Amino acid sequence: METINRKNQNVKNGLLLFGFFFKIGCFTFGGGWSILAQMEQEFVNKKKWITKEELLDLTAVGKSVPGIMITNISMLFGYQIGGWFGGVCAVLGITCPAVLILSAVAYGYDSLKSNYWCHCALEGIRTAVVPIIGSAALSLGKEIFRTTKGRVVCGAAFLFCLFTDISNVVMVLIGIVAALLIPDGQIEKMKEKIKNAKEAAKHGVS
């Protein structure tokens, strides 16, 4: 009986996931990061299905493995909520609108590419996408910056991206190694030792 109820719940969740991802798939301007902002609002803030930390974990895995980031995240998220059926429904929901819209655009591309109103609409979309992505980055980034290790790894990665030509793949691998080599609380212990050493030196001088 419990197994049947669980299957029924997975089917229900899967259909809900399909409807949600189909809806946001119709307005996927700005790529996967804008979708993350909508996922956070719907599933973290409203439905409370996952936490920000769990969404960040899904994002890290989806970004690291081969394939399209948001499709990977949708599959992982759907599986977590509704099993395999939920994962498939989430992927279908996020991909079907793109296939349908691109098919329509391809059919009338010659008339759309030089249309003045279409150009203005796309310019407005690009403008609106920037704050959407920025809000998602700031909101989810708060979870990363709560720990000293997260701030150190993130800051180092930012500097590497800014001043070197290291590829994203190498950057991800460096982040994994750095997080594994720096145990939780290790940086705090080092800061405490430095602080104690300074105080001891100060008292010794006095």
N, C-alpha and C. Protein backbone atom coordinates (compact mmCIF):
# COMPACT_ATOMS: atom_id res chain seq x y z
N MET A 1 0.82 -1.20 0.00
CA MET A 1 0.00 0.00 0.00
C MET A 1 0.86 1.26 0.00
N GLU A 2 1.91 1.23 0.81
CA GLU A 2 2.82 2.38 0.88
C GLU A 2 3.51 2.60 -0.45
N THR A 3 3.89 1.49 -1.12
CA THR A 3 4.55 1.61 -2.42
C THR A 3 3.62 2.24 -3.45
N ILE A 4 2.34 1.83 -3.43
CA ILE A 4 1.35 2.38 -4.38
C ILE A 4 1.16 3.88 -4.13
N ASN A 5 1.07 4.26 -2.87
CA ASN A 5 0.90 5.67 -2.53
C ASN A 5 2.10 6.49 -2.97
N ARG A 6 3.28 5.91 -2.81
CA ARG A 6 4.49 6.62 -3.22
C ARG A 6 4.52 6.80 -4.74
N LYS A 7 4.11 5.75 -5.48
CA LYS A 7 4.07 5.86 -6.93
C LYS A 7 3.06 6.91 -7.38
N ASN A 8 1.89 6.91 -6.73
CA ASN A 8 0.87 7.90 -7.07
C ASN A 8 1.37 9.32 -6.79
N GLN A 9 2.09 9.48 -5.68
CA GLN A 9 2.64 10.79 -5.34
C GLN A 9 3.69 11.21 -6.34
N ASN A 10 4.53 10.24 -6.79
CA ASN A 10 5.55 10.55 -7.79
C ASN A 10 4.92 10.97 -9.11
N VAL A 11 3.82 10.30 -9.49
CA VAL A 11 3.12 10.67 -10.72
C VAL A 11 2.55 12.09 -10.60
N LYS A 12 1.96 12.38 -9.46
CA LYS A 12 1.39 13.71 -9.23
C LYS A 12 2.48 14.77 -9.27
N ASN A 13 3.59 14.51 -8.59
CA ASN A 13 4.70 15.46 -8.60
C ASN A 13 5.29 15.62 -9.99
N GLY A 14 5.36 14.49 -10.72
CA GLY A 14 5.89 14.55 -12.08
C GLY A 14 5.06 15.44 -12.99
N LEU A 15 3.75 15.34 -12.89
CA LEU A 15 2.87 16.17 -13.71
C LEU A 15 2.98 17.65 -13.31
N LEU A 16 3.12 17.90 -12.01
CA LEU A 16 3.31 19.27 -11.54
C LEU A 16 4.63 19.83 -12.06
N LEU A 17 5.67 19.00 -12.06
CA LEU A 17 6.96 19.43 -12.56
C LEU A 17 6.90 19.72 -14.05
N PHE A 18 6.19 18.86 -14.79
CA PHE A 18 6.07 19.09 -16.23
C PHE A 18 5.39 20.43 -16.49
N GLY A 19 4.30 20.70 -15.78
CA GLY A 19 3.59 21.96 -15.98
C GLY A 19 4.44 23.17 -15.64
N PHE A 20 5.19 23.09 -14.53
CA PHE A 20 6.03 24.21 -14.13
C PHE A 20 7.15 24.45 -15.13
N PHE A 21 7.88 23.39 -15.48
CA PHE A 21 9.02 23.55 -16.38
C PHE A 21 8.57 23.91 -17.79
N PHE A 22 7.40 23.44 -18.20
CA PHE A 22 6.87 23.84 -19.50
C PHE A 22 6.57 25.34 -19.51
N LYS A 23 6.02 25.82 -18.39
CA LYS A 23 5.68 27.25 -18.28
C LYS A 23 6.93 28.11 -18.36
N ILE A 24 7.95 27.78 -17.55
CA ILE A 24 9.15 28.61 -17.56
C ILE A 24 9.98 28.35 -18.82
N GLY A 25 9.81 27.16 -19.44
CA GLY A 25 10.51 26.88 -20.68
C GLY A 25 10.06 27.77 -21.82
N CYS A 26 8.84 28.29 -21.72
CA CYS A 26 8.33 29.21 -22.74
C CYS A 26 8.95 30.60 -22.61
N PHE A 27 9.61 30.87 -21.48
CA PHE A 27 10.20 32.18 -21.24
C PHE A 27 11.64 32.04 -20.75
N THR A 28 12.38 31.16 -21.39
CA THR A 28 13.75 30.89 -20.98
C THR A 28 14.70 31.89 -21.62
N PHE A 29 14.52 33.16 -21.31
CA PHE A 29 15.42 34.18 -21.81
C PHE A 29 16.59 34.31 -20.85
N GLY A 30 17.80 34.27 -21.40
CA GLY A 30 18.98 34.40 -20.56
C GLY A 30 19.61 33.08 -20.18
N GLY A 31 19.05 31.97 -20.68
CA GLY A 31 19.66 30.67 -20.41
C GLY A 31 19.29 30.09 -19.06
N GLY A 32 20.10 29.12 -18.64
CA GLY A 32 19.80 28.35 -17.44
C GLY A 32 19.78 29.16 -16.16
N TRP A 33 20.60 30.22 -16.08
CA TRP A 33 20.67 30.97 -14.83
C TRP A 33 19.38 31.71 -14.52
N SER A 34 18.69 32.18 -15.57
CA SER A 34 17.40 32.83 -15.31
C SER A 34 16.36 31.82 -14.85
N ILE A 35 16.48 30.57 -15.33
CA ILE A 35 15.56 29.52 -14.88
C ILE A 35 15.82 29.19 -13.42
N LEU A 36 17.08 29.20 -13.00
CA LEU A 36 17.41 28.94 -11.60
C LEU A 36 16.73 29.94 -10.68
N ALA A 37 16.67 31.20 -11.12
CA ALA A 37 16.00 32.22 -10.31
C ALA A 37 14.52 31.88 -10.13
N GLN A 38 13.89 31.38 -11.19
CA GLN A 38 12.48 31.01 -11.10
C GLN A 38 12.29 29.74 -10.28
N MET A 39 13.23 28.79 -10.39
CA MET A 39 13.17 27.59 -9.57
C MET A 39 13.31 27.94 -8.09
N GLU A 40 14.20 28.86 -7.79
CA GLU A 40 14.38 29.27 -6.39
C GLU A 40 13.09 29.87 -5.85
N GLN A 41 12.47 30.74 -6.65
CA GLN A 41 11.25 31.40 -6.19
C GLN A 41 10.11 30.40 -5.98
N GLU A 42 9.99 29.42 -6.89
CA GLU A 42 8.87 28.49 -6.84
C GLU A 42 9.08 27.37 -5.83
N PHE A 43 10.25 26.73 -5.87
CA PHE A 43 10.45 25.51 -5.09
C PHE A 43 11.18 25.73 -3.76
N VAL A 44 11.91 26.83 -3.64
CA VAL A 44 12.59 27.13 -2.38
C VAL A 44 11.75 28.06 -1.52
N ASN A 45 11.29 29.15 -2.10
CA ASN A 45 10.56 30.16 -1.32
C ASN A 45 9.09 29.82 -1.13
N LYS A 46 8.43 29.32 -2.17
CA LYS A 46 6.99 29.07 -2.09
C LYS A 46 6.67 27.67 -1.59
N LYS A 47 7.08 26.65 -2.33
CA LYS A 47 6.69 25.27 -2.00
C LYS A 47 7.56 24.63 -0.91
N LYS A 48 8.75 25.18 -0.68
CA LYS A 48 9.66 24.66 0.34
C LYS A 48 10.04 23.19 0.08
N TRP A 49 10.13 22.81 -1.19
CA TRP A 49 10.50 21.43 -1.53
C TRP A 49 11.98 21.17 -1.31
N ILE A 50 12.81 22.17 -1.56
CA ILE A 50 14.24 22.04 -1.34
C ILE A 50 14.75 23.33 -0.70
N THR A 51 15.99 23.28 -0.23
CA THR A 51 16.63 24.46 0.35
C THR A 51 17.55 25.11 -0.69
N LYS A 52 18.01 26.29 -0.39
CA LYS A 52 18.96 26.96 -1.29
C LYS A 52 20.24 26.15 -1.42
N GLU A 53 20.66 25.56 -0.32
CA GLU A 53 21.89 24.76 -0.34
C GLU A 53 21.74 23.56 -1.26
N GLU A 54 20.57 22.90 -1.21
CA GLU A 54 20.33 21.75 -2.09
C GLU A 54 20.27 22.19 -3.55
N LEU A 55 19.66 23.33 -3.81
CA LEU A 55 19.61 23.85 -5.18
C LEU A 55 21.01 24.17 -5.69
N LEU A 56 21.87 24.69 -4.81
CA LEU A 56 23.26 24.95 -5.19
C LEU A 56 23.99 23.65 -5.50
N ASP A 57 23.73 22.61 -4.69
CA ASP A 57 24.37 21.32 -4.94
C ASP A 57 23.94 20.76 -6.30
N LEU A 58 22.64 20.86 -6.61
CA LEU A 58 22.16 20.40 -7.91
C LEU A 58 22.79 21.20 -9.04
N THR A 59 22.95 22.50 -8.82
CA THR A 59 23.57 23.35 -9.84
C THR A 59 25.02 22.97 -10.06
N ALA A 60 25.73 22.69 -8.97
CA ALA A 60 27.14 22.31 -9.09
C ALA A 60 27.29 21.01 -9.88
N VAL A 61 26.45 20.03 -9.57
CA VAL A 61 26.51 18.75 -10.29
C VAL A 61 26.08 18.94 -11.74
N GLY A 62 24.98 19.65 -11.96
CA GLY A 62 24.49 19.85 -13.32
C GLY A 62 25.46 20.62 -14.19
N LYS A 63 26.20 21.55 -13.60
CA LYS A 63 27.18 22.34 -14.34
C LYS A 63 28.45 21.53 -14.62
N SER A 64 28.75 20.57 -13.77
CA SER A 64 30.02 19.84 -13.87
C SER A 64 29.96 18.67 -14.86
N VAL A 65 28.79 18.02 -14.98
CA VAL A 65 28.70 16.86 -15.84
C VAL A 65 28.42 17.30 -17.27
N PRO A 66 28.72 16.43 -18.27
CA PRO A 66 28.47 16.80 -19.68
C PRO A 66 26.99 17.06 -19.94
N GLY A 67 26.72 17.89 -20.93
CA GLY A 67 25.35 18.19 -21.30
C GLY A 67 24.96 19.61 -20.98
N ILE A 68 23.72 19.96 -21.30
CA ILE A 68 23.21 21.31 -21.04
C ILE A 68 22.92 21.45 -19.56
N MET A 69 23.41 22.52 -18.96
CA MET A 69 23.32 22.69 -17.52
C MET A 69 21.90 22.58 -16.99
N ILE A 70 20.98 23.36 -17.56
CA ILE A 70 19.64 23.41 -17.00
C ILE A 70 18.89 22.10 -17.23
N THR A 71 19.21 21.39 -18.32
CA THR A 71 18.59 20.07 -18.54
C THR A 71 19.07 19.08 -17.48
N ASN A 72 20.36 19.13 -17.18
CA ASN A 72 20.91 18.26 -16.14
C ASN A 72 20.28 18.56 -14.78
N ILE A 73 20.17 19.86 -14.47
CA ILE A 73 19.58 20.25 -13.19
C ILE A 73 18.12 19.83 -13.12
N SER A 74 17.39 19.99 -14.23
CA SER A 74 15.98 19.61 -14.25
C SER A 74 15.82 18.12 -14.00
N MET A 75 16.68 17.32 -14.61
CA MET A 75 16.61 15.87 -14.42
C MET A 75 16.90 15.50 -12.97
N LEU A 76 17.94 16.08 -12.40
CA LEU A 76 18.31 15.77 -11.03
C LEU A 76 17.22 16.23 -10.05
N PHE A 77 16.71 17.42 -10.28
CA PHE A 77 15.67 17.95 -9.41
C PHE A 77 14.39 17.12 -9.51
N GLY A 78 13.99 16.80 -10.75
CA GLY A 78 12.80 15.99 -10.95
C GLY A 78 12.91 14.62 -10.32
N TYR A 79 14.10 14.02 -10.42
CA TYR A 79 14.31 12.70 -9.81
C TYR A 79 14.22 12.79 -8.29
N GLN A 80 14.75 13.87 -7.73
CA GLN A 80 14.71 14.03 -6.27
C GLN A 80 13.27 14.19 -5.78
N ILE A 81 12.44 14.86 -6.56
CA ILE A 81 11.06 15.13 -6.15
C ILE A 81 10.11 14.00 -6.51
N GLY A 82 10.26 13.44 -7.72
CA GLY A 82 9.28 12.45 -8.19
C GLY A 82 9.87 11.20 -8.80
N GLY A 83 11.10 10.84 -8.44
CA GLY A 83 11.70 9.62 -8.98
C GLY A 83 12.01 9.77 -10.48
N TRP A 84 12.17 8.63 -11.16
CA TRP A 84 12.50 8.65 -12.58
C TRP A 84 11.41 9.35 -13.39
N PHE A 85 10.16 9.11 -13.04
CA PHE A 85 9.05 9.75 -13.76
C PHE A 85 9.12 11.27 -13.62
N GLY A 86 9.42 11.73 -12.42
CA GLY A 86 9.56 13.16 -12.20
C GLY A 86 10.72 13.76 -12.99
N GLY A 87 11.83 13.02 -13.05
CA GLY A 87 12.98 13.50 -13.82
C GLY A 87 12.67 13.63 -15.30
N VAL A 88 12.01 12.61 -15.85
CA VAL A 88 11.66 12.64 -17.28
C VAL A 88 10.66 13.77 -17.56
N CYS A 89 9.68 13.94 -16.67
CA CYS A 89 8.69 15.00 -16.85
C CYS A 89 9.34 16.38 -16.81
N ALA A 90 10.29 16.56 -15.91
CA ALA A 90 10.97 17.85 -15.80
C ALA A 90 11.76 18.16 -17.07
N VAL A 91 12.47 17.15 -17.60
CA VAL A 91 13.26 17.35 -18.82
C VAL A 91 12.35 17.63 -20.01
N LEU A 92 11.25 16.86 -20.13
CA LEU A 92 10.32 17.11 -21.23
C LEU A 92 9.69 18.50 -21.12
N GLY A 93 9.37 18.90 -19.89
CA GLY A 93 8.77 20.20 -19.70
C GLY A 93 9.69 21.34 -20.10
N ILE A 94 10.99 21.21 -19.82
CA ILE A 94 11.92 22.30 -20.12
C ILE A 94 12.35 22.31 -21.58
N THR A 95 12.28 21.16 -22.26
CA THR A 95 12.75 21.09 -23.65
C THR A 95 11.65 21.26 -24.69
N CYS A 96 10.43 20.83 -24.39
CA CYS A 96 9.35 20.90 -25.38
C CYS A 96 9.08 22.33 -25.87
N PRO A 97 8.99 23.33 -24.98
CA PRO A 97 8.75 24.69 -25.49
C PRO A 97 9.83 25.17 -26.44
N ALA A 98 11.10 24.85 -26.14
CA ALA A 98 12.19 25.28 -27.01
C ALA A 98 12.05 24.66 -28.40
N VAL A 99 11.71 23.37 -28.45
CA VAL A 99 11.55 22.70 -29.75
C VAL A 99 10.40 23.33 -30.53
N LEU A 100 9.28 23.57 -29.86
CA LEU A 100 8.10 24.14 -30.53
C LEU A 100 8.36 25.58 -31.00
N ILE A 101 8.96 26.39 -30.12
CA ILE A 101 9.21 27.79 -30.48
C ILE A 101 10.25 27.90 -31.58
N LEU A 102 11.33 27.13 -31.48
CA LEU A 102 12.37 27.18 -32.51
C LEU A 102 11.86 26.68 -33.85
N SER A 103 10.96 25.73 -33.82
CA SER A 103 10.37 25.25 -35.08
C SER A 103 9.57 26.37 -35.74
N ALA A 104 8.80 27.11 -34.93
CA ALA A 104 8.02 28.23 -35.47
C ALA A 104 8.93 29.35 -35.97
N VAL A 105 10.00 29.64 -35.20
CA VAL A 105 10.93 30.70 -35.60
C VAL A 105 11.66 30.32 -36.89
N ALA A 106 12.10 29.07 -36.98
CA ALA A 106 12.80 28.62 -38.18
C ALA A 106 11.90 28.73 -39.41
N TYR A 107 10.62 28.47 -39.23
CA TYR A 107 9.68 28.53 -40.36
C TYR A 107 9.55 29.96 -40.89
N GLY A 108 9.54 30.93 -39.99
CA GLY A 108 9.41 32.31 -40.43
C GLY A 108 10.64 33.15 -40.20
N TYR A 109 11.82 32.53 -40.20
CA TYR A 109 13.05 33.24 -39.86
C TYR A 109 13.37 34.37 -40.83
N ASP A 110 13.17 34.15 -42.12
CA ASP A 110 13.52 35.17 -43.11
C ASP A 110 12.76 36.48 -42.89
N SER A 111 11.52 36.38 -42.45
CA SER A 111 10.74 37.60 -42.22
C SER A 111 11.00 38.19 -40.84
N LEU A 112 11.43 37.35 -39.88
CA LEU A 112 11.66 37.84 -38.52
C LEU A 112 13.02 38.52 -38.36
N LYS A 113 14.04 38.05 -39.08
CA LYS A 113 15.39 38.52 -38.82
C LYS A 113 15.57 40.00 -39.15
N SER A 114 14.76 40.54 -40.07
CA SER A 114 14.88 41.95 -40.42
C SER A 114 13.70 42.78 -39.94
N ASN A 115 12.88 42.21 -39.05
CA ASN A 115 11.71 42.91 -38.55
C ASN A 115 12.10 43.88 -37.44
N TYR A 116 11.70 45.12 -37.58
CA TYR A 116 12.08 46.16 -36.60
C TYR A 116 11.51 45.86 -35.22
N TRP A 117 10.25 45.48 -35.15
CA TRP A 117 9.59 45.22 -33.87
C TRP A 117 10.19 44.00 -33.17
N CYS A 118 10.56 43.01 -33.94
CA CYS A 118 11.21 41.83 -33.36
C CYS A 118 12.56 42.21 -32.76
N HIS A 119 13.30 43.06 -33.46
CA HIS A 119 14.60 43.52 -32.95
C HIS A 119 14.43 44.29 -31.64
N CYS A 120 13.43 45.18 -31.56
CA CYS A 120 13.18 45.95 -30.34
C CYS A 120 12.77 45.03 -29.18
N ALA A 121 11.95 44.02 -29.48
CA ALA A 121 11.52 43.10 -28.43
C ALA A 121 12.71 42.34 -27.86
N LEU A 122 13.61 41.88 -28.74
CA LEU A 122 14.79 41.14 -28.28
C LEU A 122 15.72 42.03 -27.46
N GLU A 123 15.80 43.30 -27.83
CA GLU A 123 16.62 44.22 -27.06
C GLU A 123 16.05 44.42 -25.65
N GLY A 124 14.73 44.50 -25.56
CA GLY A 124 14.09 44.61 -24.25
C GLY A 124 14.28 43.36 -23.42
N ILE A 125 14.23 42.20 -24.07
CA ILE A 125 14.44 40.94 -23.35
C ILE A 125 15.84 40.87 -22.78
N ARG A 126 16.84 41.25 -23.58
CA ARG A 126 18.22 41.22 -23.11
C ARG A 126 18.40 42.13 -21.90
N THR A 127 17.74 43.28 -21.92
CA THR A 127 17.84 44.22 -20.81
C THR A 127 17.22 43.64 -19.54
N ALA A 128 16.08 42.96 -19.69
CA ALA A 128 15.38 42.42 -18.52
C ALA A 128 16.08 41.20 -17.94
N VAL A 129 16.84 40.48 -18.77
CA VAL A 129 17.46 39.24 -18.32
C VAL A 129 18.60 39.51 -17.33
N VAL A 130 19.31 40.61 -17.51
CA VAL A 130 20.48 40.89 -16.67
C VAL A 130 20.13 40.95 -15.18
N PRO A 131 19.12 41.73 -14.75
CA PRO A 131 18.79 41.73 -13.31
C PRO A 131 18.25 40.40 -12.81
N ILE A 132 17.59 39.63 -13.69
CA ILE A 132 17.09 38.31 -13.28
C ILE A 132 18.26 37.39 -12.91
N ILE A 133 19.26 37.36 -13.78
CA ILE A 133 20.44 36.53 -13.53
C ILE A 133 21.21 37.05 -12.32
N GLY A 134 21.31 38.40 -12.22
CA GLY A 134 22.03 38.98 -11.10
C GLY A 134 21.37 38.67 -9.77
N SER A 135 20.04 38.72 -9.72
CA SER A 135 19.34 38.42 -8.47
C SER A 135 19.52 36.97 -8.05
N ALA A 136 19.53 36.05 -9.05
CA ALA A 136 19.76 34.63 -8.74
C ALA A 136 21.16 34.43 -8.20
N ALA A 137 22.14 35.09 -8.81
CA ALA A 137 23.53 34.95 -8.36
C ALA A 137 23.71 35.46 -6.94
N LEU A 138 23.10 36.62 -6.63
CA LEU A 138 23.24 37.19 -5.29
C LEU A 138 22.51 36.36 -4.25
N SER A 139 21.31 35.89 -4.59
CA SER A 139 20.52 35.12 -3.62
C SER A 139 21.17 33.78 -3.30
N LEU A 140 21.57 33.04 -4.35
CA LEU A 140 22.19 31.73 -4.13
C LEU A 140 23.61 31.88 -3.59
N GLY A 141 24.27 32.98 -3.96
CA GLY A 141 25.64 33.19 -3.50
C GLY A 141 25.76 33.37 -2.01
N LYS A 142 24.66 33.83 -1.37
CA LYS A 142 24.70 34.02 0.09
C LYS A 142 25.00 32.72 0.81
N GLU A 143 24.51 31.60 0.25
CA GLU A 143 24.76 30.30 0.89
C GLU A 143 26.23 29.92 0.79
N ILE A 144 26.87 30.29 -0.32
CA ILE A 144 28.29 29.97 -0.50
C ILE A 144 29.16 30.79 0.44
N PHE A 145 28.82 32.07 0.59
CA PHE A 145 29.68 32.98 1.35
C PHE A 145 29.49 32.88 2.85
N ARG A 146 28.67 31.97 3.33
CA ARG A 146 28.49 31.81 4.77
C ARG A 146 29.72 31.19 5.43
N THR A 147 30.47 30.40 4.68
CA THR A 147 31.66 29.75 5.24
C THR A 147 32.92 30.40 4.69
N THR A 148 33.96 30.38 5.49
CA THR A 148 35.24 30.96 5.05
C THR A 148 35.80 30.18 3.87
N LYS A 149 35.64 28.85 3.90
CA LYS A 149 36.14 28.03 2.79
C LYS A 149 35.47 28.40 1.48
N GLY A 150 34.15 28.61 1.55
CA GLY A 150 33.43 29.00 0.34
C GLY A 150 33.90 30.34 -0.20
N ARG A 151 34.15 31.28 0.69
CA ARG A 151 34.61 32.61 0.26
C ARG A 151 36.00 32.54 -0.35
N VAL A 152 36.87 31.72 0.25
CA VAL A 152 38.24 31.60 -0.25
C VAL A 152 38.26 30.95 -1.63
N VAL A 153 37.55 29.83 -1.78
CA VAL A 153 37.53 29.12 -3.06
C VAL A 153 36.87 29.99 -4.14
N CYS A 154 35.78 30.65 -3.79
CA CYS A 154 35.08 31.50 -4.76
C CYS A 154 35.95 32.68 -5.17
N GLY A 155 36.60 33.32 -4.21
CA GLY A 155 37.46 34.45 -4.52
C GLY A 155 38.63 34.05 -5.40
N ALA A 156 39.24 32.90 -5.08
CA ALA A 156 40.36 32.42 -5.89
C ALA A 156 39.90 32.10 -7.32
N ALA A 157 38.73 31.47 -7.44
CA ALA A 157 38.21 31.14 -8.78
C ALA A 157 37.93 32.41 -9.57
N PHE A 158 37.39 33.43 -8.90
CA PHE A 158 37.11 34.69 -9.59
C PHE A 158 38.40 35.33 -10.12
N LEU A 159 39.45 35.32 -9.30
CA LEU A 159 40.72 35.90 -9.72
C LEU A 159 41.34 35.12 -10.88
N PHE A 160 41.23 33.78 -10.82
CA PHE A 160 41.73 32.96 -11.92
C PHE A 160 40.99 33.28 -13.22
N CYS A 161 39.66 33.43 -13.13
CA CYS A 161 38.87 33.74 -14.33
C CYS A 161 39.20 35.12 -14.87
N LEU A 162 39.52 36.05 -13.97
CA LEU A 162 39.75 37.44 -14.37
C LEU A 162 41.12 37.65 -15.00
N PHE A 163 42.13 36.95 -14.45
CA PHE A 163 43.50 37.25 -14.86
C PHE A 163 44.20 36.12 -15.61
N THR A 164 43.56 35.00 -15.82
CA THR A 164 44.18 33.88 -16.54
C THR A 164 43.23 33.37 -17.62
N ASP A 165 43.74 32.47 -18.45
CA ASP A 165 42.95 31.87 -19.51
C ASP A 165 42.61 30.41 -19.20
N ILE A 166 42.54 30.08 -17.92
CA ILE A 166 42.22 28.71 -17.52
C ILE A 166 40.80 28.36 -17.96
N SER A 167 40.63 27.18 -18.52
CA SER A 167 39.31 26.76 -19.01
C SER A 167 38.37 26.46 -17.84
N ASN A 168 37.09 26.45 -18.13
CA ASN A 168 36.09 26.17 -17.10
C ASN A 168 36.24 24.77 -16.52
N VAL A 169 36.63 23.82 -17.38
CA VAL A 169 36.79 22.44 -16.92
C VAL A 169 37.90 22.36 -15.86
N VAL A 170 39.04 22.99 -16.16
CA VAL A 170 40.15 23.00 -15.21
C VAL A 170 39.75 23.75 -13.94
N MET A 171 38.97 24.82 -14.09
CA MET A 171 38.54 25.60 -12.94
C MET A 171 37.67 24.76 -12.00
N VAL A 172 36.78 23.99 -12.58
CA VAL A 172 35.91 23.12 -11.78
C VAL A 172 36.75 22.08 -11.04
N LEU A 173 37.72 21.48 -11.72
CA LEU A 173 38.58 20.48 -11.10
C LEU A 173 39.40 21.09 -9.96
N ILE A 174 39.90 22.30 -10.17
CA ILE A 174 40.66 22.98 -9.12
C ILE A 174 39.76 23.24 -7.91
N GLY A 175 38.51 23.65 -8.18
CA GLY A 175 37.57 23.89 -7.08
C GLY A 175 37.30 22.64 -6.27
N ILE A 176 37.15 21.51 -6.96
CA ILE A 176 36.91 20.24 -6.27
C ILE A 176 38.10 19.87 -5.38
N VAL A 177 39.30 19.98 -5.95
CA VAL A 177 40.51 19.63 -5.20
C VAL A 177 40.68 20.56 -4.00
N ALA A 178 40.45 21.86 -4.22
CA ALA A 178 40.62 22.83 -3.13
C ALA A 178 39.62 22.55 -2.00
N ALA A 179 38.37 22.26 -2.36
CA ALA A 179 37.37 21.99 -1.33
C ALA A 179 37.67 20.72 -0.56
N LEU A 180 38.27 19.74 -1.24
CA LEU A 180 38.62 18.48 -0.57
C LEU A 180 39.84 18.64 0.33
N LEU A 181 40.78 19.48 -0.08
CA LEU A 181 42.01 19.65 0.69
C LEU A 181 41.83 20.56 1.90
N ILE A 182 40.80 21.41 1.86
CA ILE A 182 40.57 22.33 2.98
C ILE A 182 39.39 21.80 3.80
N PRO A 183 39.65 21.12 4.91
CA PRO A 183 38.55 20.59 5.73
C PRO A 183 37.70 21.72 6.31
N ASP A 184 36.46 21.42 6.63
CA ASP A 184 35.58 22.39 7.25
C ASP A 184 36.15 22.85 8.58
N GLY A 185 36.22 24.16 8.75
CA GLY A 185 36.71 24.73 10.00
C GLY A 185 38.22 24.90 10.04
N GLN A 186 38.93 24.40 9.01
CA GLN A 186 40.39 24.47 9.04
C GLN A 186 40.87 25.91 8.95
N ILE A 187 40.22 26.70 8.10
CA ILE A 187 40.64 28.09 7.94
C ILE A 187 40.37 28.87 9.22
N GLU A 188 39.20 28.59 9.85
CA GLU A 188 38.89 29.26 11.10
C GLU A 188 39.93 28.95 12.17
N LYS A 189 40.39 27.68 12.21
CA LYS A 189 41.42 27.29 13.17
C LYS A 189 42.74 28.02 12.90
N MET A 190 43.08 28.16 11.62
CA MET A 190 44.31 28.86 11.27
C MET A 190 44.22 30.33 11.68
N LYS A 191 43.06 30.95 11.44
CA LYS A 191 42.90 32.34 11.83
C LYS A 191 42.99 32.50 13.35
N GLU A 192 42.43 31.53 14.07
CA GLU A 192 42.50 31.57 15.53
C GLU A 192 43.94 31.43 16.02
N LYS A 193 44.70 30.54 15.37
CA LYS A 193 46.11 30.37 15.75
C LYS A 193 46.91 31.64 15.50
N ILE A 194 46.66 32.27 14.35
CA ILE A 194 47.37 33.51 14.02
C ILE A 194 47.02 34.60 15.04
N LYS A 195 45.73 34.68 15.39
CA LYS A 195 45.29 35.67 16.35
C LYS A 195 45.96 35.44 17.71
N ASN A 196 46.01 34.16 18.14
CA ASN A 196 46.65 33.84 19.42
C ASN A 196 48.14 34.14 19.39
N ALA A 197 48.76 33.86 18.24
CA ALA A 197 50.20 34.14 18.12
C ALA A 197 50.47 35.63 18.21
N LYS A 198 49.61 36.45 17.58
CA LYS A 198 49.78 37.91 17.63
C LYS A 198 49.61 38.41 19.06
N GLU A 199 48.62 37.88 19.78
CA GLU A 199 48.39 38.31 21.14
C GLU A 199 49.55 37.91 22.05
N ALA A 200 50.06 36.68 21.80
CA ALA A 200 51.20 36.23 22.60
C ALA A 200 52.43 37.08 22.34
N ALA A 201 52.65 37.44 21.08
CA ALA A 201 53.78 38.30 20.74
C ALA A 201 53.62 39.69 21.34
N LYS A 202 52.38 40.18 21.32
CA LYS A 202 52.12 41.49 21.89
C LYS A 202 52.40 41.53 23.38
N HIS A 203 51.95 40.50 24.09
CA HIS A 203 52.20 40.41 25.54
C HIS A 203 53.68 40.21 25.82
N GLY A 204 54.35 39.49 24.92
CA GLY A 204 55.78 39.27 25.13
C GLY A 204 56.60 40.54 25.00
N VAL A 205 56.16 41.39 24.02
CA VAL A 205 56.85 42.67 23.83
C VAL A 205 56.61 43.60 25.00
N SER A 206 55.33 43.63 25.48
CA SER A 206 54.99 44.48 26.60
C SER A 206 55.63 43.99 27.89
